[in-house]
Amino acid sequence: MSYVHGASSVPLLGETVGENFARIVAAHGERPALIVHEQDVHWSYAELAERVDAFAAGLLALGLAPGDRVGIWSLNCAEWVLTQFATARAGLILVNINPAYRASELEYALTKVGCAALVTADRFKGSDYLGMLNGLLPELAESRPGRLAAARVPRLKAVIGIGEQAAGVIPFAEVAAGGGAKERARLGEIGERMQFDEPVNIQFTSGTTGAPKGATLTHHNILNNGFFIGEAMRLGPEDRLCIPVPLYHCFGMVLGVLAASTHGAAMVFPGRGFDALATLETVAEERCTGLHGVPTMFIAEMEHPEFGKFDLSNLRTGIMAGSPCPIAVMRRAMETMHLNEITIAYGMTETSPVSFQTAVDDPVEKRVSTVGRIHPHVEVKIIDAAGRIVPRGTPGELCTRGYTVMLGYWDDRERTAEAIDPARWMHTGDLATIDAAGYCNIVGRIKDMVIRGGENIYPREVEEFLYRHPKIEDVQVFGVPDAKFGEELCAWVRLRAGQTMTEEELREFCRDQIAHYKIPRHVRFVDSFPMTVTGKVQKFVMRERMSRELGVKAEATA
């Protein structure tokens, strides 16, 4: 049956994030820890630890106490990493806030979890963070540092600024210099009392509808997941991991920061937001051995006109994840970027996040066509609509249980109960199969599965087929409402530079190769796809646009 358990001889870490970090610093203090190319930061583990303790003490000096929530609203930077470790050290709960959020979304996040402090960037491209804050918090400019009293966000007492300063905002460096001997001693006391099952991080996650939910994760959740992710990549102190994915997402702060730090490896950041050229430059200049990214990032790097100029020969490993990984893209990354030991990981924010990962010595075919086998100390079962475990090879919903499962959604028992059943199984909403050898294949989302005239179609299967066409660079397949069949298949296609194609040419490529009902009825050639900041394609946005264009109701697909 489709049940697997990650039996392992390697025990779980019984530590908090702070205890583990201190142990790594003691062992690898002089080794490089944090490199931020854009900020010209090159800190050893000992230097990073001193800055972490200083900022943690400064947060306590502001009046924050263990259990208080501290939001961070910023793209990737050295201060983000400092805040991640400092809040964990001080017993505070870090709240990741999407840097794409605007004022109303920020207000919701801050009030939902009751943030006492916010660490914020000043501005980036089209986002004026300080401007939005002043609009949301008109009292800020007149407030005393650490004594904010805002009508719309009453629990927020302090705003800490990265970069340009503004009235009422406490400079990041000032907080880092604000703690004294009393606060340093208190850090030690807090560390002695802290338990690894206490919450350390809240990450907002939401589907296509409904207000965002605050997935609440413990030290035990994310520390162990980061450790075993690094184990799968065979990370060690000699490695340098390039992390161009967002820190506000699990991909950056767990698969990136904690996978590296638990192994004494260097964390390397090209810049604040993803830029293909900056990533290539950073990998070459810092001689990185690992590189993370969602498939669209790897595509952008390999398609860059200057790709051939860079020496990427030190690369060996990394993770391609965050959205379904096209087999063709995976193979190309292995061949042209020297990523012979690249892995694919699968999971979700609510499970810390990784449940499955390929191994560096898995057969190439398994590494490019599956998401690997179950992670250590994790259970997974695949169930049908009635909740029964299905035979191997049969699609069903993936449910996972173990140390990875979140405490719940912050202050939301109802939606927690919808996601986690009484036996502590997390219901992912993903459709998957597990083969005889235990390898998992994600075939789609339950809500993305298209039912055309009674036939179940998994869009990912059609996407993988279309990727074989030499003119196609990227493709997304989804369902749209149809009066006759209930749903019809639609493909949005991005062609390689200089290529042209007709709808009929695409359909002719499909004929006699895949079943007729899997051939897209609607085809659109586009320059880009609607995406989240993390590089995830928003199929629901595409579905809504096509529904409007075709004059049908998108609700029919729900």
Protein backbone atom coordinates (compact mmCIF):
# COMPACT_ATOMS: atom_id res chain seq x y z
CA MET A 1 0.00 0.00 0.00
CA SER A 2 1.00 3.65 -0.40
CA TYR A 3 2.48 4.17 3.06
CA VAL A 4 6.14 5.00 3.73
CA HIS A 5 8.11 5.79 6.87
CA GLY A 6 11.58 7.36 6.96
CA ALA A 7 13.29 4.99 9.37
CA SER A 8 16.73 6.39 10.16
CA SER A 9 19.79 5.63 12.27
CA VAL A 10 20.51 9.39 12.47
CA PRO A 11 18.62 10.79 15.48
CA LEU A 12 16.58 13.97 15.51
CA LEU A 13 18.32 17.01 16.99
CA GLY A 14 17.03 17.70 20.48
CA GLU A 15 18.11 21.35 20.44
CA THR A 16 16.71 24.81 19.92
CA VAL A 17 17.91 26.85 16.95
CA GLY A 18 20.08 28.90 19.31
CA GLU A 19 21.71 25.86 20.93
CA ASN A 20 22.51 24.33 17.57
CA PHE A 21 23.93 27.61 16.25
CA ALA A 22 26.17 27.96 19.33
CA ARG A 23 27.47 24.43 18.84
CA ILE A 24 28.27 25.10 15.17
CA VAL A 25 30.00 28.39 16.04
CA ALA A 26 32.16 26.60 18.62
CA ALA A 27 33.23 24.04 16.01
CA HIS A 28 33.58 26.30 12.95
CA GLY A 29 34.00 29.83 14.30
CA GLU A 30 36.68 30.92 11.84
CA ARG A 31 34.99 29.49 8.76
CA PRO A 32 32.92 31.72 6.43
CA ALA A 33 29.28 31.89 7.52
CA LEU A 34 27.49 34.73 5.73
CA ILE A 35 28.37 36.29 2.38
CA VAL A 36 26.04 38.92 0.94
CA HIS A 37 27.42 40.00 -2.41
CA GLU A 38 25.34 43.17 -2.79
CA GLN A 39 26.28 44.44 0.69
CA ASP A 40 29.94 43.34 0.54
CA VAL A 41 29.41 41.28 3.71
CA HIS A 42 31.89 38.46 4.47
CA TRP A 43 31.40 37.27 8.05
CA SER A 44 32.82 34.21 9.77
CA TYR A 45 30.64 32.15 12.10
CA ALA A 46 32.27 33.85 15.10
CA GLU A 47 31.56 37.32 13.65
CA LEU A 48 27.99 36.36 12.78
CA ALA A 49 27.44 35.00 16.30
CA GLU A 50 28.65 38.24 17.90
CA ARG A 51 26.27 40.29 15.74
CA VAL A 52 23.40 37.89 16.45
CA ASP A 53 23.91 38.20 20.22
CA ALA A 54 24.17 41.98 19.99
CA PHE A 55 20.90 42.29 18.08
CA ALA A 56 19.15 39.74 20.33
CA ALA A 57 20.22 41.72 23.41
CA GLY A 58 19.05 44.93 21.73
CA LEU A 59 15.61 43.43 21.12
CA LEU A 60 15.34 42.57 24.83
CA ALA A 61 16.44 46.11 25.70
CA LEU A 62 13.44 47.39 23.74
CA GLY A 63 11.21 45.60 26.22
CA LEU A 64 10.43 42.51 24.15
CA ALA A 65 9.94 39.27 26.06
CA PRO A 66 10.03 35.57 25.10
CA GLY A 67 6.93 34.64 23.13
CA ASP A 68 6.52 38.11 21.60
CA ARG A 69 6.15 38.22 17.84
CA VAL A 70 8.60 40.18 15.68
CA GLY A 71 7.66 40.75 12.04
CA ILE A 72 10.19 41.15 9.24
CA TRP A 73 9.15 42.88 6.02
CA SER A 74 12.17 42.87 3.75
CA LEU A 75 13.88 41.19 0.86
CA ASN A 76 17.12 39.24 1.30
CA CYS A 77 19.89 40.99 3.21
CA ALA A 78 22.37 40.38 6.04
CA GLU A 79 19.95 41.95 8.53
CA TRP A 80 17.32 39.33 7.66
CA VAL A 81 19.67 36.49 8.62
CA LEU A 82 20.70 38.32 11.80
CA THR A 83 17.05 38.75 12.73
CA GLN A 84 16.31 35.07 12.08
CA PHE A 85 18.98 33.86 14.49
CA ALA A 86 18.57 36.70 17.02
CA THR A 87 14.83 36.19 17.51
CA ALA A 88 15.40 32.46 18.01
CA ARG A 89 18.17 33.23 20.52
CA ALA A 90 15.91 35.57 22.52
CA GLY A 91 12.88 33.26 22.59
CA LEU A 92 10.94 35.54 20.22
CA ILE A 93 8.75 34.35 17.35
CA LEU A 94 9.81 35.61 13.91
CA VAL A 95 6.90 36.48 11.61
CA ASN A 96 7.78 36.36 7.92
CA ILE A 97 5.91 39.03 5.96
CA ASN A 98 5.84 38.84 2.18
CA PRO A 99 7.78 41.84 0.79
CA ALA A 100 5.16 42.08 -1.98
CA TYR A 101 2.46 42.87 0.61
CA ARG A 102 0.84 46.28 0.53
CA ALA A 103 -0.54 48.27 3.46
CA SER A 104 -3.80 46.37 4.01
CA GLU A 105 -2.05 42.98 3.82
CA LEU A 106 0.65 44.20 6.20
CA GLU A 107 -2.02 45.42 8.63
CA TYR A 108 -3.72 42.02 8.53
CA ALA A 109 -0.45 40.14 9.19
CA LEU A 110 0.65 42.40 12.06
CA THR A 111 -2.74 42.32 13.81
CA LYS A 112 -3.49 38.63 13.18
CA VAL A 113 -0.50 37.46 15.21
CA GLY A 114 -0.10 40.58 17.38
CA CYS A 115 3.40 41.67 16.39
CA ALA A 116 5.15 43.75 19.08
CA ALA A 117 7.93 44.87 16.74
CA LEU A 118 8.56 45.10 13.01
CA VAL A 119 11.89 45.01 11.18
CA THR A 120 11.40 46.71 7.83
CA ALA A 121 13.29 47.65 4.69
CA ASP A 122 13.05 51.21 3.38
CA ARG A 123 12.15 50.65 -0.28
CA PHE A 124 12.80 48.32 -3.20
CA LYS A 125 11.82 48.97 -6.80
CA GLY A 126 8.09 49.80 -6.72
CA SER A 127 7.66 49.18 -2.99
CA ASP A 128 8.00 52.18 -0.66
CA TYR A 129 7.88 50.36 2.68
CA LEU A 130 8.39 53.46 4.83
CA GLY A 131 5.72 55.32 2.87
CA MET A 132 3.21 52.50 3.35
CA LEU A 133 4.06 52.30 7.05
CA ASN A 134 3.50 56.00 7.59
CA GLY A 135 0.13 55.68 5.87
CA LEU A 136 -0.84 52.75 8.07
CA LEU A 137 0.71 54.20 11.24
CA PRO A 138 0.29 58.01 11.17
CA GLU A 139 1.36 58.05 14.84
CA LEU A 140 4.81 56.64 13.96
CA ALA A 141 6.54 59.92 13.07
CA GLU A 142 5.65 61.48 16.45
CA SER A 143 6.29 58.40 18.58
CA ARG A 144 9.17 57.75 20.95
CA PRO A 145 11.33 54.79 19.86
CA GLY A 146 9.81 51.62 21.26
CA ARG A 147 6.73 53.44 22.54
CA LEU A 148 4.51 53.43 19.45
CA ALA A 149 0.76 53.56 20.13
CA ALA A 150 -1.01 52.99 16.79
CA ALA A 151 -4.79 52.86 16.55
CA ARG A 152 -4.90 50.37 13.67
CA VAL A 153 -2.13 48.08 14.97
CA PRO A 154 -2.39 48.48 18.76
CA ARG A 155 0.10 45.79 19.81
CA LEU A 156 2.94 47.14 17.67
CA LYS A 157 5.39 49.06 19.88
CA ALA A 158 8.58 49.36 17.80
CA VAL A 159 9.55 49.73 14.15
CA ILE A 160 13.18 48.89 13.32
CA GLY A 161 14.53 50.18 10.01
CA ILE A 162 17.01 48.62 7.59
CA GLY A 163 18.57 51.25 5.34
CA GLU A 164 17.23 54.80 5.07
CA GLN A 165 15.92 56.18 8.34
CA ALA A 166 12.68 57.98 9.10
CA ALA A 167 11.05 59.67 12.08
CA GLY A 168 9.91 57.20 14.72
CA VAL A 169 11.84 54.33 13.15
CA ILE A 170 14.71 52.87 15.19
CA PRO A 171 17.84 52.20 13.09
CA PHE A 172 18.81 48.51 12.96
CA ALA A 173 22.37 49.36 14.08
CA GLU A 174 21.03 51.30 17.07
CA VAL A 175 19.09 48.27 18.29
CA ALA A 176 22.18 46.09 17.82
CA ALA A 177 24.12 48.52 20.04
CA GLY A 178 21.35 48.89 22.62
CA GLY A 179 21.80 45.80 24.73
CA GLY A 180 24.12 45.77 27.74
CA ALA A 181 25.46 43.25 30.25
CA LYS A 182 22.01 42.81 31.80
CA GLU A 183 20.45 41.81 28.47
CA ARG A 184 23.38 39.55 27.59
CA ALA A 185 22.95 37.71 30.88
CA ARG A 186 19.23 37.45 30.26
CA LEU A 187 19.90 35.80 26.89
CA GLY A 188 21.71 33.01 28.72
CA GLU A 189 18.82 32.59 31.16
CA ILE A 190 16.28 32.47 28.33
CA GLY A 191 18.37 29.90 26.48
CA GLU A 192 18.49 27.64 29.52
CA ARG A 193 14.70 27.71 29.94
CA MET A 194 13.72 27.46 26.29
CA GLN A 195 12.28 24.19 24.97
CA PHE A 196 12.61 23.00 21.38
CA ASP A 197 8.85 22.48 21.01
CA GLU A 198 8.22 26.20 21.50
CA PRO A 199 7.17 28.23 18.44
CA VAL A 200 9.96 30.14 16.69
CA ASN A 201 8.46 31.14 13.36
CA ILE A 202 5.12 32.08 11.77
CA GLN A 203 4.80 31.97 7.99
CA PHE A 204 1.70 33.15 6.20
CA THR A 205 0.31 30.79 3.62
CA SER A 206 -2.90 30.91 1.63
CA GLY A 207 -4.52 29.39 -1.38
CA THR A 208 -6.54 31.19 -3.99
CA THR A 209 -9.26 32.28 -1.58
CA GLY A 210 -9.55 33.23 2.06
CA ALA A 211 -7.37 35.31 4.35
CA PRO A 212 -3.75 34.15 4.81
CA LYS A 213 -3.15 31.60 7.58
CA GLY A 214 -0.21 31.82 9.98
CA ALA A 215 1.53 28.44 9.95
CA THR A 216 3.22 28.23 13.37
CA LEU A 217 6.51 26.32 13.38
CA THR A 218 8.72 25.23 16.28
CA HIS A 219 12.48 25.06 16.75
CA HIS A 220 12.16 21.26 16.45
CA ASN A 221 10.23 21.60 13.17
CA ILE A 222 12.55 23.81 11.17
CA LEU A 223 15.93 22.98 12.75
CA ASN A 224 15.59 19.26 12.07
CA ASN A 225 14.15 19.78 8.61
CA GLY A 226 17.05 22.07 7.70
CA PHE A 227 19.52 19.53 9.06
CA PHE A 228 18.14 16.58 7.10
CA ILE A 229 17.85 18.68 3.94
CA GLY A 230 21.56 19.44 4.26
CA GLU A 231 22.29 15.76 4.93
CA ALA A 232 20.56 14.81 1.67
CA MET A 233 22.78 17.31 -0.19
CA ARG A 234 25.86 16.05 1.70
CA LEU A 235 26.68 19.55 2.87
CA GLY A 236 29.78 20.16 4.97
CA PRO A 237 31.94 23.04 6.24
CA GLU A 238 33.70 23.30 2.87
CA ASP A 239 30.48 24.06 1.01
CA ARG A 240 29.23 27.46 -0.09
CA LEU A 241 25.50 27.51 -0.80
CA CYS A 242 24.15 30.24 -3.09
CA ILE A 243 20.64 31.27 -1.95
CA PRO A 244 18.85 33.52 -4.48
CA VAL A 245 15.41 32.39 -3.24
CA PRO A 246 13.46 34.61 -0.78
CA LEU A 247 14.28 34.43 2.91
CA TYR A 248 10.70 35.20 3.88
CA HIS A 249 9.80 31.78 2.43
CA CYS A 250 10.78 28.35 3.82
CA PHE A 251 12.96 27.83 0.75
CA GLY A 252 15.31 30.61 1.85
CA MET A 253 15.28 30.35 5.62
CA VAL A 254 15.07 26.54 6.05
CA LEU A 255 16.33 24.88 2.85
CA GLY A 256 18.90 27.67 2.60
CA VAL A 257 19.98 29.16 5.93
CA LEU A 258 19.32 26.23 8.28
CA ALA A 259 20.49 23.55 5.84
CA ALA A 260 23.81 25.42 5.60
CA SER A 261 24.22 26.55 9.21
CA THR A 262 23.55 23.11 10.72
CA HIS A 263 26.53 21.84 8.68
CA GLY A 264 28.89 24.78 9.15
CA ALA A 265 28.58 25.70 5.45
CA ALA A 266 28.63 29.26 4.11
CA MET A 267 25.36 31.02 3.25
CA VAL A 268 25.81 33.11 0.10
CA PHE A 269 23.25 35.70 -1.08
CA PRO A 270 23.59 37.44 -4.46
CA GLY A 271 21.25 40.34 -3.63
CA ARG A 272 17.88 41.45 -2.35
CA GLY A 273 15.70 40.13 -5.17
CA PHE A 274 16.36 37.47 -7.79
CA ASP A 275 18.50 38.54 -10.71
CA ALA A 276 19.85 35.89 -13.08
CA LEU A 277 23.05 37.78 -13.92
CA ALA A 278 23.82 38.65 -10.30
CA THR A 279 23.30 35.00 -9.34
CA LEU A 280 25.68 33.77 -12.04
CA GLU A 281 28.28 36.38 -11.03
CA THR A 282 28.01 35.42 -7.36
CA VAL A 283 28.29 31.68 -8.01
CA ALA A 284 31.42 32.25 -10.10
CA GLU A 285 33.12 34.84 -7.85
CA GLU A 286 32.40 33.06 -4.56
CA ARG A 287 33.10 29.63 -6.05
CA CYS A 288 29.79 28.30 -4.76
CA THR A 289 29.31 24.55 -4.54
CA GLY A 290 25.53 24.66 -4.21
CA LEU A 291 22.70 26.62 -5.82
CA HIS A 292 19.01 26.78 -4.96
CA GLY A 293 16.13 27.93 -7.10
CA VAL A 294 12.66 27.35 -8.46
CA PRO A 295 12.57 26.03 -12.05
CA THR A 296 11.92 29.50 -13.51
CA MET A 297 15.13 30.78 -11.88
CA PHE A 298 17.26 28.02 -13.38
CA ILE A 299 15.63 28.66 -16.77
CA ALA A 300 16.44 32.38 -16.51
CA GLU A 301 20.06 31.64 -15.60
CA MET A 302 20.61 29.13 -18.40
CA GLU A 303 18.87 31.36 -20.97
CA HIS A 304 20.87 34.46 -20.00
CA PRO A 305 22.93 35.79 -22.96
CA GLU A 306 26.08 35.87 -20.81
CA PHE A 307 25.62 32.39 -19.32
CA GLY A 308 28.64 30.97 -21.14
CA LYS A 309 31.01 33.56 -19.66
CA PHE A 310 30.86 32.24 -16.10
CA ASP A 311 32.92 29.49 -14.52
CA LEU A 312 30.38 27.38 -12.65
CA SER A 313 32.63 24.35 -12.34
CA ASN A 314 32.59 24.39 -8.52
CA LEU A 315 28.87 23.71 -8.47
CA ARG A 316 27.80 20.19 -7.59
CA THR A 317 24.56 20.31 -5.62
CA GLY A 318 21.53 22.41 -4.74
CA ILE A 319 17.78 22.14 -4.72
CA MET A 320 15.22 22.74 -7.44
CA ALA A 321 11.83 23.05 -5.78
CA GLY A 322 8.94 25.40 -5.05
CA SER A 323 6.87 24.28 -8.05
CA PRO A 324 6.83 21.21 -10.30
CA CYS A 325 10.30 20.69 -11.81
CA PRO A 326 10.22 19.96 -15.56
CA ILE A 327 12.37 16.95 -16.41
CA ALA A 328 13.97 18.79 -19.36
CA VAL A 329 15.01 21.72 -17.15
CA MET A 330 16.46 19.38 -14.52
CA ARG A 331 18.55 17.49 -17.09
CA ARG A 332 19.79 20.71 -18.65
CA ALA A 333 20.87 22.11 -15.26
CA MET A 334 22.82 18.93 -14.55
CA GLU A 335 24.55 19.08 -17.93
CA THR A 336 25.30 22.79 -18.36
CA MET A 337 25.68 24.00 -14.75
CA HIS A 338 27.74 21.06 -13.39
CA LEU A 339 24.92 20.28 -10.95
CA ASN A 340 25.45 16.53 -11.05
CA GLU A 341 24.27 16.17 -7.45
CA ILE A 342 21.31 18.56 -7.58
CA THR A 343 18.27 17.35 -5.69
CA ILE A 344 14.53 17.91 -5.90
CA ALA A 345 12.59 18.52 -2.71
CA TYR A 346 8.87 18.47 -2.06
CA GLY A 347 6.87 19.80 0.84
CA MET A 348 4.72 22.63 2.12
CA THR A 349 5.12 25.47 4.62
CA GLU A 350 2.94 23.68 7.16
CA THR A 351 5.40 20.75 7.23
CA SER A 352 8.57 22.79 7.84
CA PRO A 353 8.58 22.24 4.72
CA VAL A 354 10.25 19.12 3.19
CA SER A 355 8.74 15.61 3.24
CA PHE A 356 10.43 14.05 0.19
CA GLN A 357 13.83 14.67 -1.38
CA THR A 358 15.96 12.95 -3.96
CA ALA A 359 19.42 11.72 -2.95
CA VAL A 360 22.62 12.74 -4.73
CA ASP A 361 23.30 9.09 -5.59
CA ASP A 362 19.79 8.23 -6.78
CA PRO A 363 19.64 7.00 -10.39
CA VAL A 364 19.46 10.00 -12.73
CA GLU A 365 16.07 8.89 -14.05
CA LYS A 366 14.63 8.93 -10.53
CA ARG A 367 16.24 12.29 -9.76
CA VAL A 368 14.70 13.96 -12.78
CA SER A 369 11.28 12.32 -12.76
CA THR A 370 10.32 12.04 -9.05
CA VAL A 371 10.61 14.07 -5.84
CA GLY A 372 12.59 11.26 -4.24
CA ARG A 373 11.91 9.19 -1.17
CA ILE A 374 10.56 9.95 2.26
CA HIS A 375 12.66 12.14 4.58
CA PRO A 376 14.05 10.63 7.80
CA HIS A 377 11.57 10.39 10.70
CA VAL A 378 8.59 11.34 8.51
CA GLU A 379 5.50 9.28 7.57
CA VAL A 380 3.41 9.65 4.41
CA LYS A 381 0.30 7.91 3.18
CA ILE A 382 -1.65 8.37 -0.06
CA ILE A 383 -5.43 8.20 0.40
CA ASP A 384 -8.57 8.18 -1.72
CA ALA A 385 -11.61 10.43 -1.29
CA ALA A 386 -12.93 8.12 1.43
CA GLY A 387 -9.68 8.40 3.43
CA ARG A 388 -8.46 4.88 2.64
CA ILE A 389 -4.82 4.19 1.77
CA VAL A 390 -4.51 3.34 -1.93
CA PRO A 391 -2.27 0.70 -3.56
CA ARG A 392 1.22 1.69 -4.78
CA GLY A 393 1.09 3.58 -8.07
CA THR A 394 -2.48 4.81 -7.56
CA PRO A 395 -3.01 8.60 -7.37
CA GLY A 396 -4.50 10.05 -4.21
CA GLU A 397 -4.07 12.82 -1.66
CA LEU A 398 -0.70 12.97 0.08
CA CYS A 399 -0.92 13.12 3.88
CA THR A 400 2.13 13.49 6.12
CA ARG A 401 2.83 13.05 9.83
CA GLY A 402 5.84 13.43 12.11
CA TYR A 403 8.14 16.02 13.66
CA THR A 404 7.63 18.27 10.61
CA VAL A 405 3.93 19.04 11.13
CA MET A 406 3.28 22.58 12.39
CA LEU A 407 1.68 23.34 15.74
CA GLY A 408 -1.26 24.77 13.80
CA TYR A 409 -2.48 28.00 12.23
CA TRP A 410 -2.06 30.89 14.65
CA ASP A 411 -5.32 31.67 16.46
CA ASP A 412 -7.37 29.64 13.98
CA ARG A 413 -8.56 26.34 15.43
CA GLU A 414 -11.15 25.81 12.72
CA ARG A 415 -8.75 25.91 9.78
CA THR A 416 -6.14 23.96 11.77
CA ALA A 417 -8.70 21.18 12.27
CA GLU A 418 -9.46 21.19 8.54
CA ALA A 419 -5.77 20.63 7.74
CA ILE A 420 -4.61 18.34 10.57
CA ASP A 421 -6.85 15.41 11.48
CA PRO A 422 -7.16 13.90 14.99
CA ALA A 423 -4.35 11.42 14.25
CA ARG A 424 -2.02 14.39 13.42
CA TRP A 425 -1.97 13.69 9.67
CA MET A 426 -1.45 16.88 7.66
CA HIS A 427 -3.67 16.80 4.57
CA THR A 428 -1.68 18.54 1.82
CA GLY A 429 -4.23 18.81 -0.98
CA ASP A 430 -1.60 17.44 -3.36
CA LEU A 431 -2.21 14.46 -5.63
CA ALA A 432 0.66 11.99 -5.64
CA THR A 433 1.72 8.42 -6.32
CA ILE A 434 4.33 6.27 -4.60
CA ASP A 435 6.01 3.53 -6.63
CA ALA A 436 7.20 0.10 -5.53
CA ALA A 437 10.64 1.48 -4.55
CA GLY A 438 9.14 4.29 -2.47
CA TYR A 439 9.75 7.15 -4.89
CA CYS A 440 7.06 9.81 -4.92
CA ASN A 441 5.66 11.62 -7.94
CA ILE A 442 3.46 14.70 -7.50
CA VAL A 443 0.81 14.58 -10.19
CA GLY A 444 -0.96 17.82 -9.31
CA ARG A 445 -3.16 19.64 -6.85
CA ILE A 446 -6.60 18.23 -6.07
CA LYS A 447 -8.02 21.62 -7.03
CA ASP A 448 -5.90 21.74 -10.22
CA MET A 449 -7.01 18.35 -11.50
CA VAL A 450 -9.15 18.85 -14.59
CA ILE A 451 -12.25 16.69 -15.08
CA ARG A 452 -13.18 16.80 -18.77
CA GLY A 453 -16.28 14.84 -19.65
CA GLY A 454 -15.64 12.43 -16.79
CA GLU A 455 -11.93 11.97 -17.62
CA ASN A 456 -9.40 12.97 -14.94
CA ILE A 457 -6.52 14.97 -16.43
CA TYR A 458 -3.39 15.86 -14.46
CA PRO A 459 -2.00 19.10 -15.97
CA ARG A 460 1.56 18.24 -14.98
CA GLU A 461 1.53 15.17 -17.26
CA VAL A 462 0.56 17.35 -20.25
CA GLU A 463 3.15 19.98 -19.32
CA GLU A 464 5.92 17.37 -19.22
CA PHE A 465 4.94 16.19 -22.68
CA LEU A 466 4.88 19.71 -24.15
CA TYR A 467 8.32 20.49 -22.68
CA ARG A 468 9.70 18.01 -25.22
CA HIS A 469 8.97 20.40 -28.08
CA PRO A 470 12.22 22.18 -29.02
CA LYS A 471 10.48 25.56 -29.50
CA ILE A 472 8.86 25.60 -26.03
CA GLU A 473 10.77 27.14 -23.14
CA ASP A 474 8.03 27.02 -20.51
CA VAL A 475 4.37 25.96 -20.40
CA GLN A 476 1.52 25.97 -17.90
CA VAL A 477 -1.61 23.83 -18.34
CA PHE A 478 -4.87 24.33 -16.43
CA GLY A 479 -8.61 23.85 -16.74
CA VAL A 480 -11.24 26.38 -17.76
CA PRO A 481 -15.04 25.98 -17.55
CA ASP A 482 -16.81 24.49 -20.58
CA ALA A 483 -20.56 24.15 -21.18
CA LYS A 484 -20.29 20.78 -22.93
CA PHE A 485 -17.53 18.93 -21.08
CA GLY A 486 -17.59 20.74 -17.72
CA GLU A 487 -13.94 21.70 -18.16
CA GLU A 488 -11.54 22.04 -21.08
CA LEU A 489 -7.76 22.13 -21.08
CA CYS A 490 -5.89 25.38 -21.69
CA ALA A 491 -2.15 25.83 -22.26
CA TRP A 492 -0.20 29.05 -21.85
CA VAL A 493 3.07 28.68 -23.74
CA ARG A 494 6.29 30.69 -23.58
CA LEU A 495 8.50 30.08 -26.63
CA ARG A 496 12.27 30.19 -26.83
CA ALA A 497 13.78 33.44 -28.12
CA GLY A 498 13.28 33.90 -31.87
CA GLN A 499 10.79 31.03 -32.23
CA THR A 500 7.25 31.18 -33.57
CA MET A 501 4.47 28.63 -33.37
CA THR A 502 0.78 28.31 -34.19
CA GLU A 503 -1.93 26.69 -32.11
CA GLU A 504 -2.40 24.04 -34.79
CA GLU A 505 1.32 23.26 -34.78
CA LEU A 506 1.15 22.59 -31.03
CA ARG A 507 -1.92 20.38 -31.38
CA GLU A 508 -0.34 18.46 -34.26
CA PHE A 509 2.66 17.76 -32.00
CA CYS A 510 0.24 16.18 -29.51
CA ARG A 511 -1.81 14.06 -31.94
CA ASP A 512 -1.24 10.33 -31.64
CA GLN A 513 1.24 10.99 -28.82
CA ILE A 514 -1.17 11.66 -25.96
CA ALA A 515 -4.86 10.86 -25.53
CA HIS A 516 -7.16 13.17 -27.48
CA TYR A 517 -8.83 14.53 -24.35
CA LYS A 518 -5.43 15.68 -23.02
CA ILE A 519 -4.75 17.87 -26.07
CA PRO A 520 -5.30 21.53 -25.03
CA ARG A 521 -8.46 22.99 -26.52
CA HIS A 522 -7.29 26.55 -25.84
CA VAL A 523 -3.72 27.72 -26.47
CA ARG A 524 -2.21 31.13 -25.77
CA PHE A 525 1.36 32.24 -26.48
CA VAL A 526 2.61 34.57 -23.74
CA ASP A 527 5.79 36.36 -22.71
CA SER A 528 5.38 35.62 -19.00
CA PHE A 529 3.16 33.98 -16.38
CA PRO A 530 1.59 35.64 -13.33
CA MET A 531 3.81 34.68 -10.39
CA THR A 532 4.29 35.12 -6.68
CA VAL A 533 7.45 36.73 -5.33
CA THR A 534 8.85 33.24 -4.73
CA GLY A 535 8.54 32.32 -8.41
CA LYS A 536 5.44 30.14 -8.10
CA VAL A 537 3.11 30.33 -11.06
CA GLN A 538 -0.40 31.50 -10.13
CA LYS A 539 -2.62 29.21 -12.17
CA PHE A 540 -5.75 30.56 -10.53
CA VAL A 541 -4.97 34.00 -12.01
CA MET A 542 -4.49 32.46 -15.45
CA ARG A 543 -7.75 30.54 -15.07
CA GLU A 544 -9.63 33.70 -14.14
CA ARG A 545 -8.21 35.63 -17.10
CA MET A 546 -9.06 32.89 -19.57
CA SER A 547 -12.54 32.51 -18.11
CA ARG A 548 -13.17 36.22 -18.65
CA GLU A 549 -11.75 36.05 -22.17
CA LEU A 550 -13.92 33.04 -23.05
CA GLY A 551 -16.99 34.52 -21.39
CA VAL A 552 -17.44 31.69 -18.86
CA LYS A 553 -17.57 31.68 -15.07
CA ALA A 554 -14.39 30.64 -13.28
CA GLU A 555 -16.50 29.45 -10.33
CA ALA A 556 -17.45 26.43 -12.44
CA THR A 557 -13.91 25.07 -11.93
CA ALA A 558 -14.08 25.11 -8.15
